[in-house]
């Protein structure tokens, strides 16, 4: 009879780097004006916490974008197969999406195509 030994996965430095988000945040910013829409203010209450195992961070938000209420959930993690950070999110308007994250020092940038009703979506955060 063969015996299989299970090796427990351990979060690496790529995963630990996500810890910078963990906590409760008040986010403020604005959209960028486009040909069809003016810039509007964004105010959000955000909670980031580790999913058990410390490989992924769960982000819940409750926001106002201009006069529109927005809420949702996002899972942020490291995709070892592609060597990138990825996010998958779902919101109260039925939107779902995935974005790639890049990190340079304390600056993180979310970039996605066909996200939340826009052709391109980009968000930059300094943490």
Protein backbone atom coordinates (compact mmCIF):
# COMPACT_ATOMS: atom_id res chain seq x y z
CA UNK A 1 0.00 0.00 0.00
CA UNK A 2 1.31 3.45 -0.95
CA UNK A 3 1.30 6.26 1.55
CA UNK A 4 0.88 9.85 0.41
CA UNK A 5 2.37 12.60 2.51
CA UNK A 6 0.51 15.89 2.40
CA UNK A 7 2.70 18.95 2.53
CA UNK A 8 0.91 21.97 3.95
CA UNK A 9 1.28 25.03 1.75
CA UNK A 10 2.83 28.03 3.45
CA UNK A 11 2.24 31.62 2.31
CA UNK A 12 5.29 33.14 0.64
CA UNK A 13 6.59 36.70 0.47
CA UNK A 14 4.21 37.42 -2.43
CA UNK A 15 1.27 36.57 -0.17
CA UNK A 16 2.66 38.40 2.87
CA UNK A 17 2.92 41.56 0.76
CA UNK A 18 -0.90 41.67 0.62
CA UNK A 19 -0.96 42.28 4.38
CA UNK A 20 -0.49 46.00 3.73
CA UNK A 21 -4.22 46.18 2.88
CA UNK A 22 -5.54 44.41 5.98
CA UNK A 23 -7.59 46.72 8.18
CA UNK A 24 -10.45 49.21 8.03
CA UNK A 25 -10.02 52.11 5.62
CA UNK A 26 -11.86 55.24 4.53
CA UNK A 27 -11.11 55.72 0.85
CA UNK A 28 -11.57 59.03 -0.94
CA UNK A 29 -10.87 59.95 -4.53
CA UNK A 30 -12.53 60.84 -7.79
CA UNK A 31 -13.23 59.44 -11.19
CA UNK A 32 -11.53 60.94 -14.23
CA UNK A 33 -13.82 63.03 -16.42
CA UNK A 34 -14.53 61.57 -19.84
CA UNK A 35 -16.26 62.77 -22.98
CA UNK A 36 -19.61 61.48 -21.66
CA UNK A 37 -19.25 62.05 -17.91
CA UNK A 38 -17.83 64.61 -15.50
CA UNK A 39 -15.45 63.66 -12.69
CA UNK A 40 -17.33 62.65 -9.54
CA UNK A 41 -16.23 62.14 -5.96
CA UNK A 42 -15.73 58.65 -4.52
CA UNK A 43 -16.10 58.04 -0.77
CA UNK A 44 -15.87 54.51 0.56
CA UNK A 45 -15.72 52.50 3.75
CA UNK A 46 -13.48 49.47 3.16
CA UNK A 47 -12.66 46.40 5.23
CA UNK A 48 -9.80 44.11 4.21
CA UNK A 49 -9.15 40.86 6.07
CA UNK A 50 -7.21 37.66 5.54
CA UNK A 51 -9.07 34.62 4.33
CA UNK A 52 -8.06 31.74 6.64
CA UNK A 53 -4.68 30.42 5.52
CA UNK A 54 -3.33 33.92 4.70
CA UNK A 55 -3.09 33.34 0.95
CA UNK A 56 -5.93 35.70 -0.05
CA UNK A 57 -7.37 38.98 1.21
CA UNK A 58 -11.14 39.57 1.25
CA UNK A 59 -12.21 43.17 0.63
CA UNK A 60 -15.74 44.41 1.36
CA UNK A 61 -16.74 47.94 0.42
CA UNK A 62 -19.66 50.31 0.84
CA UNK A 63 -19.25 53.40 -1.32
CA UNK A 64 -20.82 56.44 -2.85
CA UNK A 65 -19.66 57.36 -6.36
CA UNK A 66 -21.18 60.73 -7.08
CA UNK A 67 -24.82 60.15 -6.06
CA UNK A 68 -24.72 56.39 -6.67
CA UNK A 69 -24.42 53.82 -3.86
CA UNK A 70 -22.07 50.90 -4.55
CA UNK A 71 -21.18 47.88 -2.43
CA UNK A 72 -19.41 44.64 -3.10
CA UNK A 73 -16.80 42.04 -2.32
CA UNK A 74 -13.38 41.40 -3.82
CA UNK A 75 -10.85 38.59 -3.40
CA UNK A 76 -7.20 39.60 -3.89
CA UNK A 77 -4.44 37.07 -4.31
CA UNK A 78 -1.19 36.10 -5.96
CA UNK A 79 -1.40 33.97 -9.11
CA UNK A 80 1.81 31.94 -8.97
CA UNK A 81 1.18 30.32 -12.36
CA UNK A 82 1.36 33.74 -14.06
CA UNK A 83 3.55 35.57 -11.54
CA UNK A 84 0.96 38.32 -11.02
CA UNK A 85 -1.51 39.59 -8.45
CA UNK A 86 -5.18 39.21 -9.43
CA UNK A 87 -8.46 40.41 -8.07
CA UNK A 88 -11.97 39.06 -8.61
CA UNK A 89 -14.95 41.17 -7.55
CA UNK A 90 -18.73 41.24 -7.49
CA UNK A 91 -20.95 44.26 -6.75
CA UNK A 92 -24.53 45.20 -5.89
CA UNK A 93 -25.37 46.07 -9.52
CA UNK A 94 -24.63 42.56 -10.75
CA UNK A 95 -21.19 43.43 -12.09
CA UNK A 96 -18.39 40.91 -11.84
CA UNK A 97 -14.84 41.29 -13.01
CA UNK A 98 -11.21 40.46 -12.70
CA UNK A 99 -8.24 42.78 -12.76
CA UNK A 100 -4.49 42.49 -12.65
CA UNK A 101 -2.64 44.29 -9.88
CA UNK A 102 0.86 45.64 -10.10
CA UNK A 103 2.88 46.82 -7.14
CA UNK A 104 5.83 49.16 -7.04
CA UNK A 105 7.06 50.13 -3.59
CA UNK A 106 3.90 51.35 -1.78
CA UNK A 107 1.89 52.01 -4.96
CA UNK A 108 -0.60 49.39 -6.16
CA UNK A 109 -2.47 49.72 -9.46
CA UNK A 110 -5.58 47.78 -10.47
CA UNK A 111 -6.03 47.51 -14.26
CA UNK A 112 -8.93 45.80 -16.01
CA UNK A 113 -10.73 45.77 -19.34
CA UNK A 114 -14.53 45.77 -19.63
CA UNK A 115 -14.89 46.34 -15.88
CA UNK A 116 -17.88 47.96 -14.14
CA UNK A 117 -19.42 49.29 -17.33
CA UNK A 118 -16.31 50.95 -18.72
CA UNK A 119 -13.98 49.81 -21.46
CA UNK A 120 -10.90 50.26 -19.25
CA UNK A 121 -10.68 50.61 -15.49
CA UNK A 122 -7.63 51.78 -13.56
CA UNK A 123 -7.28 52.53 -9.87
CA UNK A 124 -4.10 53.59 -8.12
CA UNK A 125 -3.61 53.35 -4.37
CA UNK A 126 -0.67 54.28 -2.16
CA UNK A 127 -0.57 52.27 1.08
